[in-house]
Amino acid sequence: MPVSRQTRRWLTGRASDPSVRWRFWTEVDRRPAHDPRVRAARKAIGRTGWAAGILDLQFPDGRWATPGSSDPELYRPKYISTYWRFLLLADLGMTRTDPRIRRTSELIMRRWTERGSDLLGGPGSEICLIGNAVRTLIRYGYLDHRVVRRSIAWIVRTQKADGGWYCWSSRTGSLDCWEGLAGLAEVPEDRRDDSVRGSIERGAEFYLSRRLMNEGRVRYPPWFRIHYPTHYYYDLLVGLGILTRLGYASDPRLRPALRWLLRKRRRDGTWAIDADHPDLDPRHGGYVFDEGPVWPLRLEPPGEPSRWATVEALSVLSRAGMV
């Protein structure tokens, strides 16, 4: 399935975001890091586009908050406070070489260590929180930080017997709890010890044996929609991204999910974001979740061609040898 000239220009032209251009050149076209186009796109991340817009709203201490709020909370309000922007900026390609990223990363690790060691496997630990934080901090360049190393060990230790993970007390895992496997997937191959390597293999088998979609008696509709930012929500594109990055692109058990992805392609060769989040319902005049009001952190509107969804889909298909 070749990428049309029109789609290529749409993803890599000046009107596109540098994070999208960088991902297209490296993951779809597979250009090396020293390629001039790759270097130019990477250099622009954080200076222009989505990442720059988010960083422009950062407070000097490395946090974000609702306008007019002096609340030091990092996790709420969802999904516009510090923790959620911290996750998003790693997806966009930022690293701790930028002092603004260092401030936020160190603030989060310090705050969570002070308040009960949530990131160190304390009583308040949850796989969505720790898995996302590990994935993000490794991308930022903190693989060797003690908080990250201990959090990796916690992910391995809390894996269920069936190879999955679950947020609460349970004997079995759930496809929804993808963050543990995603966090371990960021550990470079040459830095994985036997425990991490074994945990990845069991986690991958958990997803592959379920074809990334089979859990329960009926299929769960939100898993068949594309979301972004993902935060802690699962969908088939999330699963495909993790498994293909781990080297399972040729496993025949991914074929149903890959066929789903191809069916999601629009006639113009793009993909769209289907919804902001499964638990956000604008029909009620706001966005309501069981923990209180939440707001989407939106980069692109749902229902329209999405550069981010398109480059993510093409990256998956490239690793599967379908582009």
C-alpha atoms as a PDB file:
ATOM      1  CA  MET A   1       0.000   0.000   0.000  1.00  0.00           C
ATOM      2  CA  PRO A   2       2.074   2.963  -1.204  1.00  0.00           C
ATOM      3  CA  VAL A   3       1.733   6.386   0.407  1.00  0.00           C
ATOM      4  CA  SER A   4       0.359   8.813  -2.166  1.00  0.00           C
ATOM      5  CA  ARG A   5       2.215  12.001  -2.998  1.00  0.00           C
ATOM      6  CA  GLN A   6      -0.703  13.994  -1.657  1.00  0.00           C
ATOM      7  CA  THR A   7      -0.624  12.232   1.718  1.00  0.00           C
ATOM      8  CA  ARG A   8       3.154  12.484   1.883  1.00  0.00           C
ATOM      9  CA  ARG A   9       3.027  16.237   1.270  1.00  0.00           C
ATOM     10  CA  TRP A  10       0.237  16.623   3.823  1.00  0.00           C
ATOM     11  CA  LEU A  11       2.322  14.863   6.476  1.00  0.00           C
ATOM     12  CA  THR A  12       5.699  16.421   5.721  1.00  0.00           C
ATOM     13  CA  GLY A  13       4.947  19.885   4.358  1.00  0.00           C
ATOM     14  CA  ARG A  14       5.323  23.155   6.230  1.00  0.00           C
ATOM     15  CA  ALA A  15       1.710  23.109   7.405  1.00  0.00           C
ATOM     16  CA  SER A  16       2.304  19.831   9.250  1.00  0.00           C
ATOM     17  CA  ASP A  17       3.645  19.543  12.789  1.00  0.00           C
ATOM     18  CA  PRO A  18       7.394  18.838  13.200  1.00  0.00           C
ATOM     19  CA  SER A  19       6.570  15.858  15.440  1.00  0.00           C
ATOM     20  CA  VAL A  20       4.589  14.322  12.579  1.00  0.00           C
ATOM     21  CA  ARG A  21       7.329  15.082  10.064  1.00  0.00           C
ATOM     22  CA  TRP A  22       9.963  13.515  12.331  1.00  0.00           C
ATOM     23  CA  ARG A  23       7.899  10.364  12.800  1.00  0.00           C
ATOM     24  CA  PHE A  24       7.150  10.063   9.097  1.00  0.00           C
ATOM     25  CA  TRP A  25      10.781  10.379   8.057  1.00  0.00           C
ATOM     26  CA  THR A  26      12.046   7.941  10.713  1.00  0.00           C
ATOM     27  CA  GLU A  27       9.219   5.384  11.049  1.00  0.00           C
ATOM     28  CA  VAL A  28       7.568   5.326   7.627  1.00  0.00           C
ATOM     29  CA  ASP A  29      10.395   6.347   5.290  1.00  0.00           C
ATOM     30  CA  ARG A  30      12.963   4.845   7.709  1.00  0.00           C
ATOM     31  CA  ARG A  31      15.533   7.549   7.200  1.00  0.00           C
ATOM     32  CA  PRO A  32      18.563   7.557   9.560  1.00  0.00           C
ATOM     33  CA  ALA A  33      18.957  10.067  12.389  1.00  0.00           C
ATOM     34  CA  HIS A  34      21.639  11.993  10.473  1.00  0.00           C
ATOM     35  CA  ASP A  35      19.380  12.579   7.459  1.00  0.00           C
ATOM     36  CA  PRO A  36      18.914  16.357   6.966  1.00  0.00           C
ATOM     37  CA  ARG A  37      15.109  16.074   6.926  1.00  0.00           C
ATOM     38  CA  VAL A  38      15.087  14.078  10.158  1.00  0.00           C
ATOM     39  CA  ARG A  39      17.462  16.505  11.858  1.00  0.00           C
ATOM     40  CA  ALA A  40      15.467  19.543  10.760  1.00  0.00           C
ATOM     41  CA  ALA A  41      12.177  18.090  11.986  1.00  0.00           C
ATOM     42  CA  ARG A  42      13.651  16.968  15.304  1.00  0.00           C
ATOM     43  CA  LYS A  43      15.238  20.366  15.891  1.00  0.00           C
ATOM     44  CA  ALA A  44      11.893  22.110  15.325  1.00  0.00           C
ATOM     45  CA  ILE A  45      10.019  20.047  17.963  1.00  0.00           C
ATOM     46  CA  GLY A  46       9.394  22.297  20.944  1.00  0.00           C
ATOM     47  CA  ARG A  47      10.133  25.418  18.940  1.00  0.00           C
ATOM     48  CA  THR A  48       7.066  25.379  16.716  1.00  0.00           C
ATOM     49  CA  GLY A  49       3.857  23.365  16.519  1.00  0.00           C
ATOM     50  CA  TRP A  50       1.990  21.345  19.125  1.00  0.00           C
ATOM     51  CA  ALA A  51       4.837  20.838  21.596  1.00  0.00           C
ATOM     52  CA  ALA A  52       5.775  24.517  21.503  1.00  0.00           C
ATOM     53  CA  GLY A  53       2.170  25.521  22.153  1.00  0.00           C
ATOM     54  CA  ILE A  54       1.979  23.266  25.205  1.00  0.00           C
ATOM     55  CA  LEU A  55       5.327  24.433  26.569  1.00  0.00           C
ATOM     56  CA  ASP A  56       4.368  28.082  26.151  1.00  0.00           C
ATOM     57  CA  LEU A  57       1.745  27.527  28.870  1.00  0.00           C
ATOM     58  CA  GLN A  58       4.175  25.996  31.358  1.00  0.00           C
ATOM     59  CA  PHE A  59       4.758  27.713  34.716  1.00  0.00           C
ATOM     60  CA  PRO A  60       8.379  28.428  35.733  1.00  0.00           C
ATOM     61  CA  ASP A  61       8.351  25.539  38.233  1.00  0.00           C
ATOM     62  CA  GLY A  62       7.576  23.024  35.474  1.00  0.00           C
ATOM     63  CA  ARG A  63       3.865  22.604  36.106  1.00  0.00           C
ATOM     64  CA  TRP A  64       0.669  23.420  34.236  1.00  0.00           C
ATOM     65  CA  ALA A  65      -2.661  24.324  35.785  1.00  0.00           C
ATOM     66  CA  THR A  66      -6.100  25.610  34.891  1.00  0.00           C
ATOM     67  CA  PRO A  67      -5.936  29.388  34.353  1.00  0.00           C
ATOM     68  CA  GLY A  68      -6.302  31.231  37.639  1.00  0.00           C
ATOM     69  CA  SER A  69      -5.594  28.150  39.743  1.00  0.00           C
ATOM     70  CA  SER A  70      -2.809  28.008  42.317  1.00  0.00           C
ATOM     71  CA  ASP A  71      -3.503  24.353  43.164  1.00  0.00           C
ATOM     72  CA  PRO A  72      -0.208  22.413  43.113  1.00  0.00           C
ATOM     73  CA  GLU A  73      -1.998  19.188  42.093  1.00  0.00           C
ATOM     74  CA  LEU A  74      -0.213  17.502  39.191  1.00  0.00           C
ATOM     75  CA  TYR A  75      -2.795  14.867  38.198  1.00  0.00           C
ATOM     76  CA  ARG A  76      -6.041  16.876  38.128  1.00  0.00           C
ATOM     77  CA  PRO A  77      -7.953  18.371  36.461  1.00  0.00           C
ATOM     78  CA  LYS A  78      -8.007  15.699  33.808  1.00  0.00           C
ATOM     79  CA  TYR A  79      -6.691  15.983  31.089  1.00  0.00           C
ATOM     80  CA  ILE A  80      -5.121  19.417  31.068  1.00  0.00           C
ATOM     81  CA  SER A  81      -2.903  19.410  34.157  1.00  0.00           C
ATOM     82  CA  THR A  82       0.794  18.656  34.478  1.00  0.00           C
ATOM     83  CA  TYR A  83       0.806  14.847  34.388  1.00  0.00           C
ATOM     84  CA  TRP A  84      -1.159  14.611  31.137  1.00  0.00           C
ATOM     85  CA  ARG A  85       0.941  17.199  29.326  1.00  0.00           C
ATOM     86  CA  PHE A  86       4.048  15.430  30.604  1.00  0.00           C
ATOM     87  CA  LEU A  87       2.872  12.246  28.833  1.00  0.00           C
ATOM     88  CA  LEU A  88       1.929  14.024  25.630  1.00  0.00           C
ATOM     89  CA  LEU A  89       5.224  15.864  25.193  1.00  0.00           C
ATOM     90  CA  ALA A  90       7.137  12.579  25.217  1.00  0.00           C
ATOM     91  CA  ASP A  91       4.908  11.263  22.428  1.00  0.00           C
ATOM     92  CA  LEU A  92       5.723  14.392  20.460  1.00  0.00           C
ATOM     93  CA  GLY A  93       9.451  13.718  20.675  1.00  0.00           C
ATOM     94  CA  MET A  94      10.680  15.983  23.487  1.00  0.00           C
ATOM     95  CA  THR A  95      13.596  14.891  25.703  1.00  0.00           C
ATOM     96  CA  ARG A  96      15.299  16.155  28.846  1.00  0.00           C
ATOM     97  CA  THR A  97      17.850  18.005  26.735  1.00  0.00           C
ATOM     98  CA  ASP A  98      15.236  20.755  26.958  1.00  0.00           C
ATOM     99  CA  PRO A  99      15.333  22.351  30.452  1.00  0.00           C
ATOM    100  CA  ARG A 100      11.552  22.702  30.451  1.00  0.00           C
ATOM    101  CA  ILE A 101      11.216  18.912  30.239  1.00  0.00           C
ATOM    102  CA  ARG A 102      13.808  18.427  32.996  1.00  0.00           C
ATOM    103  CA  ARG A 103      11.842  20.710  35.309  1.00  0.00           C
ATOM    104  CA  THR A 104       8.602  18.803  34.836  1.00  0.00           C
ATOM    105  CA  SER A 105      10.166  15.335  35.013  1.00  0.00           C
ATOM    106  CA  GLU A 106      12.066  16.086  38.195  1.00  0.00           C
ATOM    107  CA  LEU A 107       9.025  17.762  39.733  1.00  0.00           C
ATOM    108  CA  ILE A 108       6.882  14.691  39.096  1.00  0.00           C
ATOM    109  CA  MET A 109       9.447  12.222  40.412  1.00  0.00           C
ATOM    110  CA  ARG A 110      10.074  14.349  43.495  1.00  0.00           C
ATOM    111  CA  ARG A 111       6.387  14.942  44.219  1.00  0.00           C
ATOM    112  CA  TRP A 112       5.382  11.300  43.915  1.00  0.00           C
ATOM    113  CA  THR A 113       8.333  10.170  45.990  1.00  0.00           C
ATOM    114  CA  GLU A 114       7.418  12.652  48.727  1.00  0.00           C
ATOM    115  CA  ARG A 115       3.733  11.742  48.828  1.00  0.00           C
ATOM    116  CA  GLY A 116       4.067   8.009  49.421  1.00  0.00           C
ATOM    117  CA  SER A 117       6.258   6.503  46.714  1.00  0.00           C
ATOM    118  CA  ASP A 118       3.493   5.874  44.174  1.00  0.00           C
ATOM    119  CA  LEU A 119       6.123   5.535  41.470  1.00  0.00           C
ATOM    120  CA  LEU A 120       8.165   3.189  43.635  1.00  0.00           C
ATOM    121  CA  GLY A 121       5.496   0.538  44.113  1.00  0.00           C
ATOM    122  CA  GLY A 122       3.890   2.020  47.208  1.00  0.00           C
ATOM    123  CA  PRO A 123       0.318   1.369  48.399  1.00  0.00           C
ATOM    124  CA  GLY A 124      -1.167   3.866  45.957  1.00  0.00           C
ATOM    125  CA  SER A 125       0.543   2.405  42.910  1.00  0.00           C
ATOM    126  CA  GLU A 126      -1.475   1.594  39.779  1.00  0.00           C
ATOM    127  CA  ILE A 127      -0.238   0.077  36.537  1.00  0.00           C
ATOM    128  CA  CYS A 128      -1.691   2.897  34.417  1.00  0.00           C
ATOM    129  CA  LEU A 129       0.182   5.498  36.463  1.00  0.00           C
ATOM    130  CA  ILE A 130       3.492   3.667  36.720  1.00  0.00           C
ATOM    131  CA  GLY A 131       3.487   2.194  33.206  1.00  0.00           C
ATOM    132  CA  ASN A 132       2.811   5.563  31.602  1.00  0.00           C
ATOM    133  CA  ALA A 133       5.395   7.300  33.773  1.00  0.00           C
ATOM    134  CA  VAL A 134       8.071   4.697  32.984  1.00  0.00           C
ATOM    135  CA  ARG A 135       7.354   4.890  29.243  1.00  0.00           C
ATOM    136  CA  THR A 136       7.536   8.680  29.337  1.00  0.00           C
ATOM    137  CA  LEU A 137      10.595   9.030  31.561  1.00  0.00           C
ATOM    138  CA  ILE A 138      12.588   6.543  29.485  1.00  0.00           C
ATOM    139  CA  ARG A 139      11.739   8.493  26.346  1.00  0.00           C
ATOM    140  CA  TYR A 140      12.910  11.635  28.086  1.00  0.00           C
ATOM    141  CA  GLY A 141      16.240   9.973  28.928  1.00  0.00           C
ATOM    142  CA  TYR A 142      15.814   8.842  32.552  1.00  0.00           C
ATOM    143  CA  LEU A 143      16.292   5.080  32.121  1.00  0.00           C
ATOM    144  CA  ASP A 144      19.018   4.961  34.770  1.00  0.00           C
ATOM    145  CA  HIS A 145      17.215   7.076  37.364  1.00  0.00           C
ATOM    146  CA  ARG A 146      16.502   5.122  40.556  1.00  0.00           C
ATOM    147  CA  VAL A 147      12.781   5.932  40.390  1.00  0.00           C
ATOM    148  CA  VAL A 148      12.554   4.478  36.895  1.00  0.00           C
ATOM    149  CA  ARG A 149      14.616   1.390  37.708  1.00  0.00           C
ATOM    150  CA  ARG A 150      12.494   0.582  40.762  1.00  0.00           C
ATOM    151  CA  SER A 151       9.313   1.241  38.819  1.00  0.00           C
ATOM    152  CA  ILE A 152      10.406  -1.168  36.075  1.00  0.00           C
ATOM    153  CA  ALA A 153      10.956  -3.832  38.729  1.00  0.00           C
ATOM    154  CA  TRP A 154       7.469  -3.143  40.120  1.00  0.00           C
ATOM    155  CA  ILE A 155       5.889  -3.615  36.665  1.00  0.00           C
ATOM    156  CA  VAL A 156       7.612  -6.972  36.289  1.00  0.00           C
ATOM    157  CA  ARG A 157       6.695  -8.040  39.820  1.00  0.00           C
ATOM    158  CA  THR A 158       3.000  -7.196  39.493  1.00  0.00           C
ATOM    159  CA  GLN A 159       2.413  -8.951  36.163  1.00  0.00           C
ATOM    160  CA  LYS A 160      -0.420 -11.484  36.403  1.00  0.00           C
ATOM    161  CA  ALA A 161       0.044 -15.197  35.867  1.00  0.00           C
ATOM    162  CA  ASP A 162      -1.669 -14.956  32.463  1.00  0.00           C
ATOM    163  CA  GLY A 163       0.849 -12.334  31.277  1.00  0.00           C
ATOM    164  CA  GLY A 164      -1.393  -9.276  31.563  1.00  0.00           C
ATOM    165  CA  TRP A 165      -1.762  -6.509  34.120  1.00  0.00           C
ATOM    166  CA  TYR A 166      -4.734  -5.049  35.958  1.00  0.00           C
ATOM    167  CA  CYS A 167      -5.210  -1.824  37.915  1.00  0.00           C
ATOM    168  CA  TRP A 168      -6.937  -3.417  40.898  1.00  0.00           C
ATOM    169  CA  SER A 169      -6.888  -6.698  42.763  1.00  0.00           C
ATOM    170  CA  SER A 170      -7.409  -9.437  40.202  1.00  0.00           C
ATOM    171  CA  ARG A 171      -6.007 -12.827  39.301  1.00  0.00           C
ATOM    172  CA  THR A 172      -6.089 -12.018  35.592  1.00  0.00           C
ATOM    173  CA  GLY A 173      -4.993  -9.190  33.323  1.00  0.00           C
ATOM    174  CA  SER A 174      -6.981  -6.991  30.955  1.00  0.00           C
ATOM    175  CA  LEU A 175      -6.267  -5.648  27.480  1.00  0.00           C
ATOM    176  CA  ASP A 176      -7.168  -2.242  28.886  1.00  0.00           C
ATOM    177  CA  CYS A 177      -4.032  -2.250  31.049  1.00  0.00           C
ATOM    178  CA  TRP A 178      -1.533  -1.864  28.210  1.00  0.00           C
ATOM    179  CA  GLU A 179       0.694   0.575  30.070  1.00  0.00           C
ATOM    180  CA  GLY A 180       2.857  -2.079  31.721  1.00  0.00           C
ATOM    181  CA  LEU A 181       3.907  -3.656  28.434  1.00  0.00           C
ATOM    182  CA  ALA A 182       4.311  -0.219  26.824  1.00  0.00           C
ATOM    183  CA  GLY A 183       6.618   0.878  29.637  1.00  0.00           C
ATOM    184  CA  LEU A 184       8.818  -2.210  29.331  1.00  0.00           C
ATOM    185  CA  ALA A 185       8.891  -1.856  25.545  1.00  0.00           C
ATOM    186  CA  GLU A 186      10.805   1.416  25.933  1.00  0.00           C
ATOM    187  CA  VAL A 187      13.729  -0.332  27.632  1.00  0.00           C
ATOM    188  CA  PRO A 188      16.363  -0.729  24.872  1.00  0.00           C
ATOM    189  CA  GLU A 189      17.002  -4.341  23.903  1.00  0.00           C
ATOM    190  CA  ASP A 190      20.601  -4.237  25.076  1.00  0.00           C
ATOM    191  CA  ARG A 191      19.478  -2.974  28.502  1.00  0.00           C
ATOM    192  CA  ARG A 192      16.831  -5.626  29.182  1.00  0.00           C
ATOM    193  CA  ASP A 193      17.736  -8.163  31.835  1.00  0.00           C
ATOM    194  CA  ASP A 194      16.190 -11.634  31.921  1.00  0.00           C
ATOM    195  CA  SER A 195      13.279 -10.499  34.084  1.00  0.00           C
ATOM    196  CA  VAL A 196      12.311  -7.674  31.722  1.00  0.00           C
ATOM    197  CA  ARG A 197      12.803  -9.837  28.644  1.00  0.00           C
ATOM    198  CA  GLY A 198      10.636 -12.602  30.084  1.00  0.00           C
ATOM    199  CA  SER A 199       7.956 -10.152  31.176  1.00  0.00           C
ATOM    200  CA  ILE A 200       7.805  -8.651  27.674  1.00  0.00           C
ATOM    201  CA  GLU A 201       7.486 -12.091  26.088  1.00  0.00           C
ATOM    202  CA  ARG A 202       4.640 -13.088  28.418  1.00  0.00           C
ATOM    203  CA  GLY A 203       2.937  -9.725  27.971  1.00  0.00           C
ATOM    204  CA  ALA A 204       3.150  -9.934  24.197  1.00  0.00           C
ATOM    205  CA  GLU A 205       1.681 -13.441  24.267  1.00  0.00           C
ATOM    206  CA  PHE A 206      -1.199 -12.162  26.410  1.00  0.00           C
ATOM    207  CA  TYR A 207      -2.136  -9.677  23.657  1.00  0.00           C
ATOM    208  CA  LEU A 208      -1.407 -11.919  20.704  1.00  0.00           C
ATOM    209  CA  SER A 209      -3.435 -14.822  22.077  1.00  0.00           C
ATOM    210  CA  ARG A 210      -6.415 -12.456  22.275  1.00  0.00           C
ATOM    211  CA  ARG A 211      -5.777 -10.976  18.812  1.00  0.00           C
ATOM    212  CA  LEU A 212      -5.595  -7.574  20.599  1.00  0.00           C
ATOM    213  CA  MET A 213      -9.406  -7.483  20.775  1.00  0.00           C
ATOM    214  CA  ASN A 214     -10.971 -10.614  22.275  1.00  0.00           C
ATOM    215  CA  GLU A 215     -11.911 -10.231  25.918  1.00  0.00           C
ATOM    216  CA  GLY A 216     -15.267 -11.058  27.428  1.00  0.00           C
ATOM    217  CA  ARG A 217     -18.383 -12.316  25.691  1.00  0.00           C
ATOM    218  CA  VAL A 218     -18.871  -9.302  23.435  1.00  0.00           C
ATOM    219  CA  ARG A 219     -16.465  -6.897  21.806  1.00  0.00           C
ATOM    220  CA  TYR A 220     -15.999  -3.574  23.580  1.00  0.00           C
ATOM    221  CA  PRO A 221     -16.847  -0.782  21.088  1.00  0.00           C
ATOM    222  CA  PRO A 222     -14.326   1.864  22.319  1.00  0.00           C
ATOM    223  CA  TRP A 223     -11.459  -0.480  21.482  1.00  0.00           C
ATOM    224  CA  PHE A 224     -12.437  -0.189  17.828  1.00  0.00           C
ATOM    225  CA  ARG A 225     -12.199   3.611  17.796  1.00  0.00           C
ATOM    226  CA  ILE A 226      -9.034   5.646  17.378  1.00  0.00           C
ATOM    227  CA  HIS A 227      -8.289   8.129  20.178  1.00  0.00           C
ATOM    228  CA  TYR A 228      -5.568  10.685  20.748  1.00  0.00           C
ATOM    229  CA  PRO A 229      -4.186  11.744  23.147  1.00  0.00           C
ATOM    230  CA  THR A 230      -4.490   8.193  24.444  1.00  0.00           C
ATOM    231  CA  HIS A 231      -3.521   8.846  28.093  1.00  0.00           C
ATOM    232  CA  TYR A 232      -4.592   5.516  29.638  1.00  0.00           C
ATOM    233  CA  TYR A 233      -7.190   4.393  27.092  1.00  0.00           C
ATOM    234  CA  TYR A 234      -6.749   1.310  24.970  1.00  0.00           C
ATOM    235  CA  ASP A 235      -7.740   0.796  21.365  1.00  0.00           C
ATOM    236  CA  LEU A 236      -6.512  -1.504  18.608  1.00  0.00           C
ATOM    237  CA  LEU A 237      -4.130   1.099  17.214  1.00  0.00           C
ATOM    238  CA  VAL A 238      -2.503   1.345  20.665  1.00  0.00           C
ATOM    239  CA  GLY A 239      -2.079  -2.427  20.725  1.00  0.00           C
ATOM    240  CA  LEU A 240      -0.709  -2.551  17.197  1.00  0.00           C
ATOM    241  CA  GLY A 241       1.768   0.201  17.968  1.00  0.00           C
ATOM    242  CA  ILE A 242       3.198  -1.660  20.969  1.00  0.00           C
ATOM    243  CA  LEU A 243       3.331  -5.132  19.418  1.00  0.00           C
ATOM    244  CA  THR A 244       4.858  -4.022  16.124  1.00  0.00           C
ATOM    245  CA  ARG A 245       7.497  -1.958  17.931  1.00  0.00           C
ATOM    246  CA  LEU A 246       8.374  -5.051  19.940  1.00  0.00           C
ATOM    247  CA  GLY A 247       9.042  -6.985  16.743  1.00  0.00           C
ATOM    248  CA  TYR A 248       5.832  -9.015  16.404  1.00  0.00           C
ATOM    249  CA  ALA A 249       4.662  -7.389  13.167  1.00  0.00           C
ATOM    250  CA  SER A 250       4.812 -10.668  11.244  1.00  0.00           C
ATOM    251  CA  ASP A 251       2.891 -12.702  13.819  1.00  0.00           C
ATOM    252  CA  PRO A 252      -0.245 -14.005  12.042  1.00  0.00           C
ATOM    253  CA  ARG A 253      -2.346 -13.273  15.121  1.00  0.00           C
ATOM    254  CA  LEU A 254      -2.042  -9.553  14.354  1.00  0.00           C
ATOM    255  CA  ARG A 255      -3.762  -9.943  10.992  1.00  0.00           C
ATOM    256  CA  PRO A 256      -7.336  -9.296  12.231  1.00  0.00           C
ATOM    257  CA  ALA A 257      -6.223  -6.052  13.881  1.00  0.00           C
ATOM    258  CA  LEU A 258      -4.240  -5.041  10.794  1.00  0.00           C
ATOM    259  CA  ARG A 259      -7.297  -5.647   8.613  1.00  0.00           C
ATOM    260  CA  TRP A 260      -9.301  -3.455  10.988  1.00  0.00           C
ATOM    261  CA  LEU A 261      -6.684  -0.717  10.595  1.00  0.00           C
ATOM    262  CA  LEU A 262      -6.827  -0.904   6.808  1.00  0.00           C
ATOM    263  CA  ARG A 263     -10.623  -0.648   6.904  1.00  0.00           C
ATOM    264  CA  LYS A 264     -10.296   2.522   8.979  1.00  0.00           C
ATOM    265  CA  ARG A 265      -8.360   4.208   6.185  1.00  0.00           C
ATOM    266  CA  ARG A 266     -10.338   6.949   4.467  1.00  0.00           C
ATOM    267  CA  ARG A 267     -10.689   7.250   0.711  1.00  0.00           C
ATOM    268  CA  ASP A 268      -8.174  10.096   0.675  1.00  0.00           C
ATOM    269  CA  GLY A 269      -5.519   7.851   2.260  1.00  0.00           C
ATOM    270  CA  THR A 270      -5.739   9.320   5.766  1.00  0.00           C
ATOM    271  CA  TRP A 271      -7.046   8.174   9.114  1.00  0.00           C
ATOM    272  CA  ALA A 272      -9.249  10.131  11.519  1.00  0.00           C
ATOM    273  CA  ILE A 273      -9.513  10.303  15.299  1.00  0.00           C
ATOM    274  CA  ASP A 274     -12.919   8.863  16.169  1.00  0.00           C
ATOM    275  CA  ALA A 275     -13.389  10.385  19.633  1.00  0.00           C
ATOM    276  CA  ASP A 276     -11.548  12.416  22.248  1.00  0.00           C
ATOM    277  CA  HIS A 277     -11.999   9.801  24.974  1.00  0.00           C
ATOM    278  CA  PRO A 278     -14.494   7.035  25.751  1.00  0.00           C
ATOM    279  CA  ASP A 279     -15.543   8.602  29.058  1.00  0.00           C
ATOM    280  CA  LEU A 280     -16.095  12.139  27.756  1.00  0.00           C
ATOM    281  CA  ASP A 281     -19.677  12.945  26.846  1.00  0.00           C
ATOM    282  CA  PRO A 282     -20.286  16.485  25.519  1.00  0.00           C
ATOM    283  CA  ARG A 283     -24.047  15.886  25.369  1.00  0.00           C
ATOM    284  CA  HIS A 284     -24.295  16.821  29.048  1.00  0.00           C
ATOM    285  CA  GLY A 285     -22.928  20.319  28.503  1.00  0.00           C
ATOM    286  CA  GLY A 286     -19.493  19.335  29.786  1.00  0.00           C
ATOM    287  CA  TYR A 287     -17.257  16.372  30.223  1.00  0.00           C
ATOM    288  CA  VAL A 288     -18.113  14.144  33.156  1.00  0.00           C
ATOM    289  CA  PHE A 289     -16.245  11.171  34.614  1.00  0.00           C
ATOM    290  CA  ASP A 290     -16.853   9.284  37.837  1.00  0.00           C
ATOM    291  CA  GLU A 291     -13.977  11.162  39.509  1.00  0.00           C
ATOM    292  CA  GLY A 292     -15.339  14.579  38.596  1.00  0.00           C
ATOM    293  CA  PRO A 293     -15.269  16.927  35.605  1.00  0.00           C
ATOM    294  CA  VAL A 294     -12.617  16.395  32.952  1.00  0.00           C
ATOM    295  CA  TRP A 295     -11.640  18.203  29.772  1.00  0.00           C
ATOM    296  CA  PRO A 296      -9.962  16.898  26.619  1.00  0.00           C
ATOM    297  CA  LEU A 297      -6.454  17.930  25.682  1.00  0.00           C
ATOM    298  CA  ARG A 298      -7.095  18.026  21.962  1.00  0.00           C
ATOM    299  CA  LEU A 299      -4.523  18.389  19.194  1.00  0.00           C
ATOM    300  CA  GLU A 300      -6.890  17.682  16.291  1.00  0.00           C
ATOM    301  CA  PRO A 301     -10.682  17.517  16.052  1.00  0.00           C
ATOM    302  CA  PRO A 302     -12.353  14.091  15.856  1.00  0.00           C
ATOM    303  CA  GLY A 303     -13.993  13.027  12.628  1.00  0.00           C
ATOM    304  CA  GLU A 304     -11.584  14.846  10.338  1.00  0.00           C
ATOM    305  CA  PRO A 305      -8.316  13.724   8.709  1.00  0.00           C
ATOM    306  CA  SER A 306      -5.730  13.486  11.479  1.00  0.00           C
ATOM    307  CA  ARG A 307      -2.038  13.827  10.821  1.00  0.00           C
ATOM    308  CA  TRP A 308      -1.202  12.093  14.099  1.00  0.00           C
ATOM    309  CA  ALA A 309      -3.530   9.127  13.545  1.00  0.00           C
ATOM    310  CA  THR A 310      -2.287   8.836   9.967  1.00  0.00           C
ATOM    311  CA  VAL A 311       1.412   8.783  10.813  1.00  0.00           C
ATOM    312  CA  GLU A 312       0.749   6.311  13.626  1.00  0.00           C
ATOM    313  CA  ALA A 313      -1.201   4.013  11.289  1.00  0.00           C
ATOM    314  CA  LEU A 314       1.430   4.256   8.565  1.00  0.00           C
ATOM    315  CA  SER A 315       4.177   3.517  11.092  1.00  0.00           C
ATOM    316  CA  VAL A 316       2.384   0.314  12.123  1.00  0.00           C
ATOM    317  CA  LEU A 317       1.849  -0.719   8.510  1.00  0.00           C
ATOM    318  CA  SER A 318       5.469   0.064   7.655  1.00  0.00           C
ATOM    319  CA  ARG A 319       6.714  -2.249  10.404  1.00  0.00           C
ATOM    320  CA  ALA A 320       4.304  -4.891   9.096  1.00  0.00           C
ATOM    321  CA  GLY A 321       5.761  -4.533   5.594  1.00  0.00           C
ATOM    322  CA  MET A 322       2.484  -3.176   4.229  1.00  0.00           C
ATOM    323  CA  VAL A 323       3.740   0.281   3.167  1.00  0.00           C
END
